[in-house]
Amino acid sequence: MAFAYTLIVLLVITSVLLTMLVLLHRGKGGGLSSMFGGGVSSSLAGSSVAEKNLDRYTILVGIIWFACIVGLGLWLKVAMATGNS
């Protein structure tokens, strides 16, 4: 039971964090990331170090979020099969 609560808390935290990280990304018009220095391009490729790090953090949090979803789904499946809740 503690495992499920841990996954739920981690899922809520990663959901909020993932939402914030996605909103920080620069869109076509140069979104909220330009507010924190992400709008200034420092390389010829067009993406700054801040934007690359933001991409990495977003991917990492997304993987953790996905693992929480899968883990919670598997836990519920096992709990339902055994009759425990």
C-alpha atoms as a PDB file:
ATOM      1  CA  MET A   1       0.000   0.000   0.000  1.00  0.00           C
ATOM      2  CA  ALA A   2       2.860   2.375   0.774  1.00  0.00           C
ATOM      3  CA  PHE A   3       4.234   1.631  -2.704  1.00  0.00           C
ATOM      4  CA  ALA A   4       1.028   2.910  -4.304  1.00  0.00           C
ATOM      5  CA  TYR A   5       1.012   6.071  -2.203  1.00  0.00           C
ATOM      6  CA  THR A   6       4.651   6.710  -3.081  1.00  0.00           C
ATOM      7  CA  LEU A   7       3.877   6.317  -6.786  1.00  0.00           C
ATOM      8  CA  ILE A   8       0.861   8.600  -6.543  1.00  0.00           C
ATOM      9  CA  VAL A   9       2.831  11.338  -4.770  1.00  0.00           C
ATOM     10  CA  LEU A  10       5.684  10.993  -7.275  1.00  0.00           C
ATOM     11  CA  LEU A  11       3.161  11.099 -10.125  1.00  0.00           C
ATOM     12  CA  VAL A  12       1.602  14.336  -8.852  1.00  0.00           C
ATOM     13  CA  ILE A  13       5.000  15.974  -8.355  1.00  0.00           C
ATOM     14  CA  THR A  14       6.272  14.948 -11.791  1.00  0.00           C
ATOM     15  CA  SER A  15       2.994  16.024 -13.431  1.00  0.00           C
ATOM     16  CA  VAL A  16       3.280  19.535 -12.028  1.00  0.00           C
ATOM     17  CA  LEU A  17       6.996  19.694 -12.825  1.00  0.00           C
ATOM     18  CA  LEU A  18       6.452  18.421 -16.365  1.00  0.00           C
ATOM     19  CA  THR A  19       3.754  21.024 -16.951  1.00  0.00           C
ATOM     20  CA  MET A  20       6.065  23.796 -15.760  1.00  0.00           C
ATOM     21  CA  LEU A  21       8.957  22.538 -17.901  1.00  0.00           C
ATOM     22  CA  VAL A  22       6.806  22.338 -21.023  1.00  0.00           C
ATOM     23  CA  LEU A  23       5.563  25.884 -20.451  1.00  0.00           C
ATOM     24  CA  LEU A  24       9.152  27.105 -20.186  1.00  0.00           C
ATOM     25  CA  HIS A  25      10.000  25.841 -23.673  1.00  0.00           C
ATOM     26  CA  ARG A  26      10.347  28.307 -26.488  1.00  0.00           C
ATOM     27  CA  GLY A  27       7.621  28.032 -29.052  1.00  0.00           C
ATOM     28  CA  LYS A  28       7.428  29.615 -32.477  1.00  0.00           C
ATOM     29  CA  GLY A  29       7.164  33.074 -30.953  1.00  0.00           C
ATOM     30  CA  GLY A  30       9.858  32.603 -28.300  1.00  0.00           C
ATOM     31  CA  GLY A  31       7.972  31.552 -25.142  1.00  0.00           C
ATOM     32  CA  LEU A  32       8.711  31.785 -21.472  1.00  0.00           C
ATOM     33  CA  SER A  33      12.247  30.394 -21.770  1.00  0.00           C
ATOM     34  CA  SER A  34      13.403  33.708 -23.220  1.00  0.00           C
ATOM     35  CA  MET A  35      12.543  35.271 -19.867  1.00  0.00           C
ATOM     36  CA  PHE A  36      15.333  33.233 -18.230  1.00  0.00           C
ATOM     37  CA  GLY A  37      17.992  33.750 -20.882  1.00  0.00           C
ATOM     38  CA  GLY A  38      16.926  30.916 -23.156  1.00  0.00           C
ATOM     39  CA  GLY A  39      15.944  33.267 -25.959  1.00  0.00           C
ATOM     40  CA  VAL A  40      19.485  34.428 -26.680  1.00  0.00           C
ATOM     41  CA  SER A  41      21.128  32.049 -29.123  1.00  0.00           C
ATOM     42  CA  SER A  42      24.736  31.189 -28.347  1.00  0.00           C
ATOM     43  CA  SER A  43      25.500  28.764 -31.176  1.00  0.00           C
ATOM     44  CA  LEU A  44      25.001  28.612 -34.917  1.00  0.00           C
ATOM     45  CA  ALA A  45      22.514  25.756 -34.546  1.00  0.00           C
ATOM     46  CA  GLY A  46      19.972  28.106 -33.035  1.00  0.00           C
ATOM     47  CA  SER A  47      19.568  26.575 -29.573  1.00  0.00           C
ATOM     48  CA  SER A  48      21.246  27.818 -26.430  1.00  0.00           C
ATOM     49  CA  VAL A  49      22.752  25.854 -23.580  1.00  0.00           C
ATOM     50  CA  ALA A  50      19.779  26.781 -21.402  1.00  0.00           C
ATOM     51  CA  GLU A  51      17.374  25.409 -24.004  1.00  0.00           C
ATOM     52  CA  LYS A  52      19.359  22.168 -24.336  1.00  0.00           C
ATOM     53  CA  ASN A  53      19.388  21.699 -20.565  1.00  0.00           C
ATOM     54  CA  LEU A  54      15.664  22.444 -20.445  1.00  0.00           C
ATOM     55  CA  ASP A  55      15.153  19.744 -23.088  1.00  0.00           C
ATOM     56  CA  ARG A  56      17.175  17.252 -21.029  1.00  0.00           C
ATOM     57  CA  TYR A  57      15.267  18.008 -17.826  1.00  0.00           C
ATOM     58  CA  THR A  58      11.938  17.739 -19.615  1.00  0.00           C
ATOM     59  CA  ILE A  59      12.852  14.354 -21.094  1.00  0.00           C
ATOM     60  CA  LEU A  60      14.102  13.072 -17.728  1.00  0.00           C
ATOM     61  CA  VAL A  61      10.955  14.168 -15.883  1.00  0.00           C
ATOM     62  CA  GLY A  62       8.835  12.708 -18.707  1.00  0.00           C
ATOM     63  CA  ILE A  63      10.543   9.331 -18.360  1.00  0.00           C
ATOM     64  CA  ILE A  64      10.008   9.349 -14.588  1.00  0.00           C
ATOM     65  CA  TRP A  65       6.359  10.353 -15.111  1.00  0.00           C
ATOM     66  CA  PHE A  66       5.857   7.533 -17.629  1.00  0.00           C
ATOM     67  CA  ALA A  67       7.496   5.005 -15.278  1.00  0.00           C
ATOM     68  CA  CYS A  68       5.121   6.104 -12.490  1.00  0.00           C
ATOM     69  CA  ILE A  69       2.114   5.609 -14.766  1.00  0.00           C
ATOM     70  CA  VAL A  70       3.267   2.133 -15.821  1.00  0.00           C
ATOM     71  CA  GLY A  71       4.223   1.149 -12.260  1.00  0.00           C
ATOM     72  CA  LEU A  72       0.900   2.284 -10.853  1.00  0.00           C
ATOM     73  CA  GLY A  73      -0.985   0.470 -13.613  1.00  0.00           C
ATOM     74  CA  LEU A  74       0.919  -2.759 -12.978  1.00  0.00           C
ATOM     75  CA  TRP A  75       0.422  -2.436  -9.229  1.00  0.00           C
ATOM     76  CA  LEU A  76      -3.334  -1.955  -9.710  1.00  0.00           C
ATOM     77  CA  LYS A  77      -3.499  -4.928 -12.057  1.00  0.00           C
ATOM     78  CA  VAL A  78      -1.746  -7.163  -9.546  1.00  0.00           C
ATOM     79  CA  ALA A  79      -3.846  -5.809  -6.666  1.00  0.00           C
ATOM     80  CA  MET A  80      -7.071  -6.474  -8.551  1.00  0.00           C
ATOM     81  CA  ALA A  81      -5.955  -9.978  -9.549  1.00  0.00           C
ATOM     82  CA  THR A  82      -5.114 -10.933  -5.957  1.00  0.00           C
ATOM     83  CA  GLY A  83      -8.116  -9.189  -4.461  1.00  0.00           C
ATOM     84  CA  ASN A  84      -5.984  -6.917  -2.270  1.00  0.00           C
ATOM     85  CA  SER A  85      -6.328  -3.178  -2.307  1.00  0.00           C
END
